[in-house]
Amino acid sequence: MLRYHHITDEEILKISQESVNSRIELLCTEYGLRPRPSVLDKLKRERHLQTPQDIYHATAGKIGRLLKLTCELFSREGEDNFIKIWKNFEIPKKWSHLPNPISHSNSFMMSDLLRLAMIMPFLLNRFLKESSLKHNEAVVIQQRINASRINLVPKSIISCWVYVAKTMKAVFNREFTSDNYKELQQCLQEEFSILPKV
């Protein structure tokens, strides 16, 4: 990998030494690089891995992983109930058709995942109960959330999705005031505290 870093460093140097804008654009296109390295490159260990650096990719990736993990928690009864609710759930007409999250989670586009995060708390709230979950998985979550009863686990899973949806809303605000930043900080803290447990 060091060889690739060396090559990329040389290409970045060539771009930075060029003074003509059209030539800079040509080199950037040829090398598949930006005119200047991202500030976030300093935070990454491996620039050749496809690590999302923008909030859109990072948020969609998080939702995709949470969706996969949530669907893996479902018992057979839970899967059947989820699919029934899914098929009958009314989504806005402007949205494209969303595939079945259980059988087609890998075919979700990022915009689909962001839309799904908005409706997932409502979907889960309509059917999720203790019998909807694999018992051994529910017991593990019960221990992680330190719940006295196993029937509190479904509520925690729904709450997790609610926090994810609230955080997503706060992240994608059109404008930010100091109150919006405080709200975002609060949402991130709440999400951070529940995500590892569920």
N, C-alpha and C. Protein backbone atom coordinates (compact mmCIF):
# COMPACT_ATOMS: atom_id res chain seq x y z
N MET A 1 0.81 -1.21 0.00
CA MET A 1 0.00 0.00 0.00
C MET A 1 0.85 1.27 0.00
N LEU A 2 2.04 1.18 0.57
CA LEU A 2 2.89 2.37 0.59
C LEU A 2 3.23 2.82 -0.82
N ARG A 3 3.36 1.86 -1.74
CA ARG A 3 3.64 2.19 -3.13
C ARG A 3 2.53 3.08 -3.69
N TYR A 4 1.27 2.72 -3.39
CA TYR A 4 0.15 3.50 -3.89
C TYR A 4 0.10 4.89 -3.26
N HIS A 5 0.45 4.98 -1.97
CA HIS A 5 0.53 6.29 -1.33
C HIS A 5 1.57 7.15 -2.03
N HIS A 6 2.70 6.55 -2.33
CA HIS A 6 3.80 7.27 -2.99
C HIS A 6 3.34 7.80 -4.35
N ILE A 7 2.67 6.95 -5.13
CA ILE A 7 2.17 7.36 -6.45
C ILE A 7 1.16 8.49 -6.32
N THR A 8 0.23 8.33 -5.38
CA THR A 8 -0.79 9.37 -5.18
C THR A 8 -0.15 10.67 -4.73
N ASP A 9 0.84 10.59 -3.84
CA ASP A 9 1.54 11.81 -3.40
C ASP A 9 2.23 12.51 -4.58
N GLU A 10 2.83 11.73 -5.47
CA GLU A 10 3.48 12.31 -6.66
C GLU A 10 2.44 12.99 -7.56
N GLU A 11 1.29 12.35 -7.74
CA GLU A 11 0.24 12.93 -8.59
C GLU A 11 -0.30 14.22 -7.98
N ILE A 12 -0.49 14.23 -6.67
CA ILE A 12 -0.96 15.44 -5.98
C ILE A 12 0.06 16.56 -6.13
N LEU A 13 1.35 16.21 -6.04
CA LEU A 13 2.41 17.20 -6.21
C LEU A 13 2.39 17.79 -7.62
N LYS A 14 2.23 16.94 -8.65
CA LYS A 14 2.16 17.42 -10.04
C LYS A 14 1.00 18.40 -10.21
N ILE A 15 -0.15 18.06 -9.63
CA ILE A 15 -1.31 18.94 -9.74
C ILE A 15 -1.03 20.28 -9.06
N SER A 16 -0.44 20.23 -7.86
CA SER A 16 -0.21 21.47 -7.11
C SER A 16 0.84 22.37 -7.76
N GLN A 17 1.74 21.80 -8.57
CA GLN A 17 2.78 22.59 -9.23
C GLN A 17 2.28 23.23 -10.52
N GLU A 18 1.15 22.79 -11.01
CA GLU A 18 0.60 23.34 -12.26
C GLU A 18 -0.05 24.68 -11.97
N SER A 19 0.13 25.65 -12.87
CA SER A 19 -0.42 26.99 -12.65
C SER A 19 -1.62 27.30 -13.56
N VAL A 20 -1.78 26.55 -14.63
CA VAL A 20 -2.88 26.80 -15.57
C VAL A 20 -4.10 25.98 -15.14
N ASN A 21 -5.23 26.67 -14.96
CA ASN A 21 -6.44 26.00 -14.46
C ASN A 21 -6.90 24.86 -15.35
N SER A 22 -6.87 25.05 -16.65
CA SER A 22 -7.34 23.99 -17.55
C SER A 22 -6.44 22.76 -17.44
N ARG A 23 -5.15 22.98 -17.24
CA ARG A 23 -4.21 21.85 -17.07
C ARG A 23 -4.45 21.16 -15.72
N ILE A 24 -4.76 21.93 -14.70
CA ILE A 24 -5.07 21.36 -13.38
C ILE A 24 -6.28 20.45 -13.50
N GLU A 25 -7.34 20.95 -14.16
CA GLU A 25 -8.55 20.14 -14.33
C GLU A 25 -8.27 18.87 -15.12
N LEU A 26 -7.43 18.97 -16.13
CA LEU A 26 -7.06 17.81 -16.94
C LEU A 26 -6.33 16.76 -16.11
N LEU A 27 -5.37 17.21 -15.30
CA LEU A 27 -4.63 16.28 -14.44
C LEU A 27 -5.54 15.65 -13.38
N CYS A 28 -6.42 16.45 -12.82
CA CYS A 28 -7.37 15.92 -11.82
C CYS A 28 -8.23 14.82 -12.43
N THR A 29 -8.71 15.06 -13.64
CA THR A 29 -9.52 14.06 -14.34
C THR A 29 -8.69 12.82 -14.64
N GLU A 30 -7.48 13.01 -15.11
CA GLU A 30 -6.60 11.89 -15.47
C GLU A 30 -6.28 11.02 -14.26
N TYR A 31 -5.98 11.65 -13.12
CA TYR A 31 -5.58 10.90 -11.93
C TYR A 31 -6.77 10.51 -11.04
N GLY A 32 -7.93 11.10 -11.29
CA GLY A 32 -9.08 10.83 -10.43
C GLY A 32 -8.91 11.45 -9.05
N LEU A 33 -8.28 12.62 -9.02
CA LEU A 33 -8.01 13.30 -7.76
C LEU A 33 -8.62 14.69 -7.76
N ARG A 34 -8.69 15.27 -6.59
CA ARG A 34 -9.14 16.65 -6.44
C ARG A 34 -7.94 17.58 -6.57
N PRO A 35 -8.15 18.87 -6.84
CA PRO A 35 -7.01 19.79 -6.96
C PRO A 35 -6.14 19.83 -5.70
N ARG A 36 -6.78 19.74 -4.55
CA ARG A 36 -6.05 19.70 -3.28
C ARG A 36 -6.60 18.54 -2.46
N PRO A 37 -5.76 17.86 -1.69
CA PRO A 37 -6.28 16.77 -0.85
C PRO A 37 -7.30 17.31 0.14
N SER A 38 -8.27 16.48 0.48
CA SER A 38 -9.29 16.85 1.46
C SER A 38 -8.64 17.05 2.82
N VAL A 39 -9.19 17.96 3.60
CA VAL A 39 -8.72 18.16 4.97
C VAL A 39 -8.86 16.86 5.75
N LEU A 40 -9.90 16.09 5.41
CA LEU A 40 -10.15 14.83 6.13
C LEU A 40 -9.15 13.74 5.78
N ASP A 41 -8.37 13.91 4.71
CA ASP A 41 -7.35 12.91 4.37
C ASP A 41 -6.35 12.73 5.52
N LYS A 42 -6.14 13.78 6.26
CA LYS A 42 -5.20 13.69 7.39
C LYS A 42 -5.74 12.78 8.48
N LEU A 43 -7.07 12.61 8.54
CA LEU A 43 -7.68 11.76 9.56
C LEU A 43 -7.71 10.29 9.16
N LYS A 44 -7.60 10.04 7.86
CA LYS A 44 -7.70 8.67 7.37
C LYS A 44 -6.34 7.99 7.45
N ARG A 45 -6.36 6.68 7.74
CA ARG A 45 -5.12 5.91 7.72
C ARG A 45 -4.81 5.42 6.32
N GLU A 46 -5.84 5.12 5.55
CA GLU A 46 -5.65 4.50 4.24
C GLU A 46 -6.52 5.21 3.21
N ARG A 47 -5.91 6.09 2.43
CA ARG A 47 -6.69 6.89 1.50
C ARG A 47 -7.24 6.09 0.34
N HIS A 48 -6.73 4.88 0.11
CA HIS A 48 -7.20 4.08 -1.03
C HIS A 48 -8.39 3.19 -0.68
N LEU A 49 -8.77 3.17 0.58
CA LEU A 49 -9.99 2.48 0.94
C LEU A 49 -11.14 3.45 0.71
N GLN A 50 -12.29 2.93 0.38
CA GLN A 50 -13.42 3.81 0.10
C GLN A 50 -14.15 4.16 1.38
N THR A 51 -13.52 5.01 2.15
CA THR A 51 -14.09 5.46 3.40
C THR A 51 -14.91 6.72 3.11
N PRO A 52 -16.21 6.67 3.43
CA PRO A 52 -17.02 7.86 3.15
C PRO A 52 -16.57 9.05 3.99
N GLN A 53 -16.42 10.19 3.36
CA GLN A 53 -15.97 11.37 4.08
C GLN A 53 -17.09 12.39 4.23
N ASP A 54 -18.15 12.25 3.47
CA ASP A 54 -19.21 13.25 3.58
C ASP A 54 -20.37 12.68 4.39
N ILE A 55 -21.16 13.57 4.93
CA ILE A 55 -22.23 13.19 5.85
C ILE A 55 -23.30 12.35 5.15
N TYR A 56 -23.53 12.59 3.88
CA TYR A 56 -24.53 11.83 3.13
C TYR A 56 -24.16 10.35 3.08
N HIS A 57 -22.92 10.04 2.70
CA HIS A 57 -22.47 8.66 2.63
C HIS A 57 -22.37 8.02 4.01
N ALA A 58 -21.86 8.77 4.96
CA ALA A 58 -21.69 8.23 6.31
C ALA A 58 -23.04 7.90 6.93
N THR A 59 -24.02 8.78 6.78
CA THR A 59 -25.34 8.56 7.35
C THR A 59 -26.04 7.39 6.66
N ALA A 60 -26.00 7.36 5.34
CA ALA A 60 -26.63 6.26 4.60
C ALA A 60 -25.97 4.93 4.94
N GLY A 61 -24.65 4.93 5.09
CA GLY A 61 -23.95 3.71 5.47
C GLY A 61 -24.36 3.21 6.84
N LYS A 62 -24.50 4.13 7.77
CA LYS A 62 -24.92 3.77 9.13
C LYS A 62 -26.33 3.18 9.10
N ILE A 63 -27.22 3.79 8.34
CA ILE A 63 -28.59 3.31 8.25
C ILE A 63 -28.62 1.93 7.59
N GLY A 64 -27.81 1.74 6.56
CA GLY A 64 -27.74 0.44 5.89
C GLY A 64 -27.30 -0.67 6.83
N ARG A 65 -26.29 -0.38 7.65
CA ARG A 65 -25.81 -1.38 8.61
C ARG A 65 -26.88 -1.65 9.67
N LEU A 66 -27.54 -0.60 10.15
CA LEU A 66 -28.58 -0.77 11.16
C LEU A 66 -29.76 -1.56 10.59
N LEU A 67 -30.12 -1.30 9.35
CA LEU A 67 -31.20 -2.05 8.70
C LEU A 67 -30.86 -3.54 8.64
N LYS A 68 -29.64 -3.83 8.20
CA LYS A 68 -29.21 -5.23 8.10
C LYS A 68 -29.27 -5.91 9.46
N LEU A 69 -28.73 -5.25 10.47
CA LEU A 69 -28.72 -5.82 11.82
C LEU A 69 -30.14 -5.99 12.37
N THR A 70 -31.00 -5.03 12.10
CA THR A 70 -32.37 -5.12 12.58
C THR A 70 -33.09 -6.29 11.94
N CYS A 71 -32.95 -6.45 10.65
CA CYS A 71 -33.61 -7.56 9.94
C CYS A 71 -33.08 -8.91 10.41
N GLU A 72 -31.80 -8.96 10.78
CA GLU A 72 -31.23 -10.21 11.29
C GLU A 72 -31.77 -10.57 12.67
N LEU A 73 -32.34 -9.62 13.38
CA LEU A 73 -32.94 -9.88 14.69
C LEU A 73 -34.30 -10.56 14.58
N PHE A 74 -34.97 -10.39 13.44
CA PHE A 74 -36.34 -10.89 13.31
C PHE A 74 -36.41 -12.41 13.33
N SER A 75 -37.40 -12.91 14.06
CA SER A 75 -37.75 -14.33 13.99
C SER A 75 -38.53 -14.54 12.70
N ARG A 76 -38.91 -15.75 12.42
CA ARG A 76 -39.72 -16.02 11.21
C ARG A 76 -41.03 -15.24 11.29
N GLU A 77 -41.64 -15.25 12.48
CA GLU A 77 -42.89 -14.49 12.67
C GLU A 77 -42.65 -13.00 12.45
N GLY A 78 -41.53 -12.50 12.95
CA GLY A 78 -41.19 -11.10 12.78
C GLY A 78 -41.01 -10.72 11.33
N GLU A 79 -40.32 -11.58 10.56
CA GLU A 79 -40.13 -11.33 9.13
C GLU A 79 -41.48 -11.28 8.41
N ASP A 80 -42.34 -12.26 8.71
CA ASP A 80 -43.67 -12.31 8.06
C ASP A 80 -44.48 -11.06 8.38
N ASN A 81 -44.47 -10.67 9.64
CA ASN A 81 -45.24 -9.47 10.05
C ASN A 81 -44.65 -8.20 9.44
N PHE A 82 -43.34 -8.14 9.39
CA PHE A 82 -42.70 -6.96 8.79
C PHE A 82 -43.09 -6.84 7.32
N ILE A 83 -43.04 -7.95 6.59
CA ILE A 83 -43.37 -7.92 5.16
C ILE A 83 -44.83 -7.51 4.95
N LYS A 84 -45.74 -8.00 5.80
CA LYS A 84 -47.16 -7.59 5.69
C LYS A 84 -47.30 -6.09 5.88
N ILE A 85 -46.66 -5.58 6.93
CA ILE A 85 -46.72 -4.13 7.21
C ILE A 85 -46.07 -3.36 6.06
N TRP A 86 -44.93 -3.85 5.60
CA TRP A 86 -44.18 -3.21 4.52
C TRP A 86 -45.03 -3.06 3.27
N LYS A 87 -45.72 -4.14 2.88
CA LYS A 87 -46.50 -4.13 1.64
C LYS A 87 -47.67 -3.16 1.72
N ASN A 88 -48.22 -2.97 2.91
CA ASN A 88 -49.40 -2.13 3.06
C ASN A 88 -49.10 -0.72 3.55
N PHE A 89 -47.84 -0.42 3.78
CA PHE A 89 -47.48 0.89 4.30
C PHE A 89 -47.51 1.90 3.17
N GLU A 90 -48.23 2.98 3.39
CA GLU A 90 -48.37 4.00 2.35
C GLU A 90 -47.19 4.97 2.40
N ILE A 91 -46.46 5.03 1.30
CA ILE A 91 -45.34 5.95 1.20
C ILE A 91 -45.72 7.11 0.28
N PRO A 92 -45.04 8.23 0.37
CA PRO A 92 -45.36 9.36 -0.52
C PRO A 92 -45.26 8.95 -2.00
N LYS A 93 -46.15 9.48 -2.80
CA LYS A 93 -46.20 9.12 -4.22
C LYS A 93 -44.96 9.53 -4.98
N LYS A 94 -44.26 10.56 -4.53
CA LYS A 94 -43.06 11.02 -5.22
C LYS A 94 -41.87 10.08 -5.02
N TRP A 95 -41.95 9.21 -4.01
CA TRP A 95 -40.85 8.29 -3.75
C TRP A 95 -40.86 7.17 -4.77
N SER A 96 -39.69 6.72 -5.14
CA SER A 96 -39.60 5.54 -6.00
C SER A 96 -39.95 4.31 -5.17
N HIS A 97 -40.26 3.23 -5.85
CA HIS A 97 -40.61 1.99 -5.16
C HIS A 97 -39.41 1.51 -4.34
N LEU A 98 -39.64 1.22 -3.08
CA LEU A 98 -38.57 0.73 -2.22
C LEU A 98 -38.61 -0.80 -2.19
N PRO A 99 -37.48 -1.45 -2.39
CA PRO A 99 -37.47 -2.92 -2.35
C PRO A 99 -37.68 -3.45 -0.94
N ASN A 100 -38.01 -4.72 -0.84
CA ASN A 100 -38.21 -5.37 0.45
C ASN A 100 -36.89 -5.36 1.22
N PRO A 101 -36.84 -4.73 2.40
CA PRO A 101 -35.59 -4.62 3.14
C PRO A 101 -35.01 -5.97 3.61
N ILE A 102 -35.84 -6.96 3.78
CA ILE A 102 -35.34 -8.24 4.27
C ILE A 102 -34.62 -9.00 3.17
N SER A 103 -35.22 -9.08 2.01
CA SER A 103 -34.61 -9.88 0.94
C SER A 103 -33.75 -9.07 -0.02
N HIS A 104 -33.87 -7.73 0.00
CA HIS A 104 -33.13 -6.91 -0.97
C HIS A 104 -32.37 -5.75 -0.30
N SER A 105 -31.88 -5.96 0.90
CA SER A 105 -31.23 -4.85 1.60
C SER A 105 -30.00 -4.33 0.86
N ASN A 106 -29.32 -5.21 0.12
CA ASN A 106 -28.13 -4.78 -0.62
C ASN A 106 -28.45 -3.97 -1.86
N SER A 107 -29.70 -3.98 -2.30
CA SER A 107 -30.05 -3.23 -3.51
C SER A 107 -30.60 -1.83 -3.20
N PHE A 108 -30.59 -1.44 -1.92
CA PHE A 108 -31.06 -0.11 -1.55
C PHE A 108 -30.04 0.93 -1.98
N MET A 109 -30.52 1.98 -2.62
CA MET A 109 -29.67 3.12 -2.93
C MET A 109 -29.59 3.98 -1.67
N MET A 110 -28.61 4.89 -1.64
CA MET A 110 -28.45 5.72 -0.45
C MET A 110 -29.71 6.54 -0.16
N SER A 111 -30.34 7.08 -1.19
CA SER A 111 -31.55 7.86 -0.98
C SER A 111 -32.67 6.98 -0.42
N ASP A 112 -32.72 5.70 -0.84
CA ASP A 112 -33.70 4.76 -0.29
C ASP A 112 -33.47 4.55 1.20
N LEU A 113 -32.21 4.42 1.58
CA LEU A 113 -31.89 4.20 2.99
C LEU A 113 -32.30 5.40 3.84
N LEU A 114 -32.07 6.59 3.32
CA LEU A 114 -32.45 7.79 4.07
C LEU A 114 -33.97 7.89 4.21
N ARG A 115 -34.68 7.51 3.17
CA ARG A 115 -36.15 7.49 3.25
C ARG A 115 -36.63 6.42 4.22
N LEU A 116 -35.98 5.29 4.16
CA LEU A 116 -36.36 4.19 5.04
C LEU A 116 -36.19 4.59 6.51
N ALA A 117 -35.13 5.34 6.81
CA ALA A 117 -34.91 5.77 8.19
C ALA A 117 -36.08 6.61 8.70
N MET A 118 -36.73 7.34 7.81
CA MET A 118 -37.87 8.17 8.22
C MET A 118 -39.09 7.33 8.58
N ILE A 119 -39.27 6.21 7.89
CA ILE A 119 -40.49 5.44 8.11
C ILE A 119 -40.29 4.21 9.00
N MET A 120 -39.04 3.81 9.20
CA MET A 120 -38.78 2.58 9.96
C MET A 120 -39.37 2.61 11.37
N PRO A 121 -39.30 3.71 12.13
CA PRO A 121 -39.93 3.68 13.46
C PRO A 121 -41.43 3.39 13.38
N PHE A 122 -42.11 3.90 12.36
CA PHE A 122 -43.54 3.66 12.21
C PHE A 122 -43.82 2.20 11.84
N LEU A 123 -42.99 1.66 10.95
CA LEU A 123 -43.14 0.25 10.55
C LEU A 123 -42.96 -0.66 11.76
N LEU A 124 -41.88 -0.45 12.48
CA LEU A 124 -41.59 -1.31 13.64
C LEU A 124 -42.66 -1.17 14.72
N ASN A 125 -43.13 0.03 14.92
CA ASN A 125 -44.13 0.28 15.96
C ASN A 125 -45.43 -0.49 15.69
N ARG A 126 -45.71 -0.79 14.42
CA ARG A 126 -46.96 -1.47 14.07
C ARG A 126 -46.95 -2.97 14.36
N PHE A 127 -45.77 -3.57 14.51
CA PHE A 127 -45.77 -5.03 14.69
C PHE A 127 -44.78 -5.56 15.71
N LEU A 128 -43.73 -4.83 16.00
CA LEU A 128 -42.62 -5.39 16.76
C LEU A 128 -43.02 -5.71 18.19
N LYS A 129 -42.82 -6.96 18.56
CA LYS A 129 -43.05 -7.42 19.93
C LYS A 129 -42.00 -8.49 20.22
N GLU A 130 -42.02 -9.01 21.42
CA GLU A 130 -41.00 -9.98 21.84
C GLU A 130 -40.93 -11.18 20.90
N SER A 131 -42.07 -11.71 20.46
CA SER A 131 -42.08 -12.89 19.60
C SER A 131 -41.60 -12.58 18.18
N SER A 132 -41.48 -11.30 17.83
CA SER A 132 -40.98 -10.90 16.51
C SER A 132 -39.46 -11.04 16.42
N LEU A 133 -38.82 -11.26 17.56
CA LEU A 133 -37.36 -11.31 17.62
C LEU A 133 -36.86 -12.71 17.95
N LYS A 134 -35.68 -13.02 17.45
CA LYS A 134 -35.04 -14.28 17.83
C LYS A 134 -34.74 -14.18 19.33
N HIS A 135 -35.12 -15.22 20.06
CA HIS A 135 -35.04 -15.16 21.53
C HIS A 135 -33.62 -14.89 22.02
N ASN A 136 -32.64 -15.63 21.48
CA ASN A 136 -31.26 -15.45 21.96
C ASN A 136 -30.74 -14.04 21.69
N GLU A 137 -31.14 -13.45 20.54
CA GLU A 137 -30.73 -12.08 20.22
C GLU A 137 -31.39 -11.08 21.17
N ALA A 138 -32.67 -11.33 21.48
CA ALA A 138 -33.40 -10.44 22.39
C ALA A 138 -32.78 -10.48 23.79
N VAL A 139 -32.34 -11.66 24.22
CA VAL A 139 -31.71 -11.79 25.55
C VAL A 139 -30.40 -10.99 25.60
N VAL A 140 -29.62 -11.06 24.53
CA VAL A 140 -28.36 -10.31 24.48
C VAL A 140 -28.63 -8.81 24.57
N ILE A 141 -29.63 -8.34 23.81
CA ILE A 141 -29.97 -6.91 23.86
C ILE A 141 -30.49 -6.54 25.24
N GLN A 142 -31.30 -7.40 25.84
CA GLN A 142 -31.82 -7.14 27.19
C GLN A 142 -30.67 -6.91 28.17
N GLN A 143 -29.63 -7.73 28.05
CA GLN A 143 -28.48 -7.57 28.94
C GLN A 143 -27.73 -6.27 28.64
N ARG A 144 -27.58 -5.95 27.35
CA ARG A 144 -26.84 -4.73 26.98
C ARG A 144 -27.55 -3.46 27.44
N ILE A 145 -28.89 -3.46 27.35
CA ILE A 145 -29.64 -2.26 27.77
C ILE A 145 -29.95 -2.29 29.25
N ASN A 146 -29.57 -3.40 29.91
CA ASN A 146 -29.79 -3.55 31.34
C ASN A 146 -31.27 -3.44 31.70
N ALA A 147 -32.11 -4.13 30.91
CA ALA A 147 -33.56 -4.10 31.12
C ALA A 147 -33.98 -5.21 32.08
N SER A 148 -34.96 -4.92 32.89
CA SER A 148 -35.44 -5.92 33.85
C SER A 148 -36.30 -6.98 33.17
N ARG A 149 -36.97 -6.60 32.07
CA ARG A 149 -37.86 -7.54 31.36
C ARG A 149 -37.51 -7.57 29.88
N ILE A 150 -37.64 -8.74 29.29
CA ILE A 150 -37.30 -8.91 27.87
C ILE A 150 -38.28 -8.18 26.96
N ASN A 151 -39.51 -7.94 27.45
CA ASN A 151 -40.49 -7.25 26.59
C ASN A 151 -40.15 -5.77 26.40
N LEU A 152 -39.10 -5.26 27.06
CA LEU A 152 -38.64 -3.89 26.84
C LEU A 152 -37.70 -3.78 25.63
N VAL A 153 -37.22 -4.92 25.15
CA VAL A 153 -36.28 -4.94 24.03
C VAL A 153 -36.89 -4.35 22.75
N PRO A 154 -38.11 -4.77 22.34
CA PRO A 154 -38.68 -4.16 21.13
C PRO A 154 -38.80 -2.64 21.21
N LYS A 155 -39.15 -2.14 22.39
CA LYS A 155 -39.25 -0.68 22.57
C LYS A 155 -37.89 -0.01 22.38
N SER A 156 -36.83 -0.68 22.84
CA SER A 156 -35.49 -0.12 22.67
C SER A 156 -35.08 -0.09 21.20
N ILE A 157 -35.44 -1.13 20.46
CA ILE A 157 -35.12 -1.17 19.03
C ILE A 157 -35.85 -0.05 18.30
N ILE A 158 -37.12 0.14 18.62
CA ILE A 158 -37.89 1.23 18.01
C ILE A 158 -37.27 2.58 18.40
N SER A 159 -36.91 2.74 19.67
CA SER A 159 -36.28 4.00 20.13
C SER A 159 -34.99 4.27 19.39
N CYS A 160 -34.23 3.21 19.14
CA CYS A 160 -32.97 3.36 18.40
C CYS A 160 -33.25 3.96 17.03
N TRP A 161 -34.25 3.42 16.33
CA TRP A 161 -34.59 3.95 15.00
C TRP A 161 -35.14 5.38 15.09
N VAL A 162 -35.85 5.69 16.17
CA VAL A 162 -36.35 7.06 16.35
C VAL A 162 -35.17 8.02 16.50
N TYR A 163 -34.17 7.65 17.29
CA TYR A 163 -32.98 8.50 17.46
C TYR A 163 -32.23 8.66 16.15
N VAL A 164 -32.13 7.58 15.37
CA VAL A 164 -31.45 7.67 14.08
C VAL A 164 -32.20 8.63 13.16
N ALA A 165 -33.52 8.53 13.13
CA ALA A 165 -34.33 9.42 12.28
C ALA A 165 -34.21 10.87 12.74
N LYS A 166 -34.24 11.11 14.05
CA LYS A 166 -34.10 12.47 14.57
C LYS A 166 -32.72 13.05 14.24
N THR A 167 -31.70 12.22 14.37
CA THR A 167 -30.35 12.68 14.05
C THR A 167 -30.24 13.01 12.58
N MET A 168 -30.81 12.14 11.74
CA MET A 168 -30.77 12.38 10.30
C MET A 168 -31.46 13.71 9.96
N LYS A 169 -32.59 13.97 10.58
CA LYS A 169 -33.29 15.24 10.35
C LYS A 169 -32.42 16.42 10.77
N ALA A 170 -31.78 16.28 11.93
CA ALA A 170 -30.93 17.38 12.42
C ALA A 170 -29.71 17.59 11.53
N VAL A 171 -29.14 16.51 11.03
CA VAL A 171 -27.95 16.59 10.18
C VAL A 171 -28.26 17.31 8.87
N PHE A 172 -29.44 17.02 8.31
CA PHE A 172 -29.78 17.57 7.00
C PHE A 172 -30.66 18.82 7.06
N ASN A 173 -30.57 19.57 8.15
CA ASN A 173 -31.27 20.86 8.22
C ASN A 173 -30.79 21.76 7.09
N ARG A 174 -31.67 22.60 6.59
CA ARG A 174 -31.30 23.51 5.50
C ARG A 174 -30.37 24.62 5.97
N GLU A 175 -30.54 25.02 7.21
CA GLU A 175 -29.67 26.06 7.77
C GLU A 175 -29.41 25.72 9.23
N PHE A 176 -28.32 26.24 9.76
CA PHE A 176 -27.95 25.93 11.13
C PHE A 176 -27.80 27.21 11.95
N THR A 177 -28.55 27.25 13.03
CA THR A 177 -28.39 28.29 14.03
C THR A 177 -27.67 27.64 15.21
N SER A 178 -27.37 28.42 16.23
CA SER A 178 -26.72 27.83 17.40
C SER A 178 -27.65 26.81 18.07
N ASP A 179 -28.96 27.07 18.03
CA ASP A 179 -29.92 26.10 18.59
C ASP A 179 -29.92 24.81 17.78
N ASN A 180 -29.79 24.91 16.44
CA ASN A 180 -29.73 23.71 15.60
C ASN A 180 -28.50 22.88 15.92
N TYR A 181 -27.38 23.55 16.17
CA TYR A 181 -26.16 22.81 16.53
C TYR A 181 -26.32 22.11 17.87
N LYS A 182 -26.98 22.78 18.81
CA LYS A 182 -27.23 22.15 20.12
C LYS A 182 -28.15 20.93 19.95
N GLU A 183 -29.17 21.08 19.12
CA GLU A 183 -30.08 19.96 18.86
C GLU A 183 -29.34 18.79 18.21
N LEU A 184 -28.49 19.10 17.25
CA LEU A 184 -27.71 18.06 16.59
C LEU A 184 -26.79 17.36 17.59
N GLN A 185 -26.14 18.13 18.44
CA GLN A 185 -25.25 17.55 19.46
C GLN A 185 -26.04 16.62 20.38
N GLN A 186 -27.22 17.04 20.79
CA GLN A 186 -28.07 16.22 21.67
C GLN A 186 -28.49 14.94 20.96
N CYS A 187 -28.90 15.05 19.71
CA CYS A 187 -29.31 13.87 18.93
C CYS A 187 -28.16 12.89 18.78
N LEU A 188 -26.97 13.40 18.47
CA LEU A 188 -25.81 12.54 18.31
C LEU A 188 -25.44 11.83 19.61
N GLN A 189 -25.57 12.53 20.73
CA GLN A 189 -25.27 11.90 22.02
C GLN A 189 -26.28 10.80 22.34
N GLU A 190 -27.57 11.08 22.09
CA GLU A 190 -28.59 10.06 22.35
C GLU A 190 -28.40 8.85 21.44
N GLU A 191 -28.11 9.11 20.18
CA GLU A 191 -27.88 8.02 19.23
C GLU A 191 -26.66 7.21 19.63
N PHE A 192 -25.60 7.90 20.02
CA PHE A 192 -24.35 7.25 20.39
C PHE A 192 -24.55 6.34 21.61
N SER A 193 -25.44 6.74 22.51
CA SER A 193 -25.64 5.94 23.72
C SER A 193 -26.48 4.69 23.45
N ILE A 194 -27.39 4.74 22.46
CA ILE A 194 -28.26 3.59 22.23
C ILE A 194 -27.79 2.65 21.13
N LEU A 195 -27.12 3.17 20.11
CA LEU A 195 -26.72 2.32 18.98
C LEU A 195 -25.88 1.10 19.38
N PRO A 196 -24.86 1.27 20.19
CA PRO A 196 -24.04 0.08 20.54
C PRO A 196 -24.80 -0.97 21.36
N LYS A 197 -25.85 -0.54 22.04
CA LYS A 197 -26.60 -1.48 22.88
C LYS A 197 -27.57 -2.32 22.08
N VAL A 198 -28.12 -1.73 21.02
CA VAL A 198 -29.11 -2.44 20.21
C VAL A 198 -28.42 -3.07 19.03
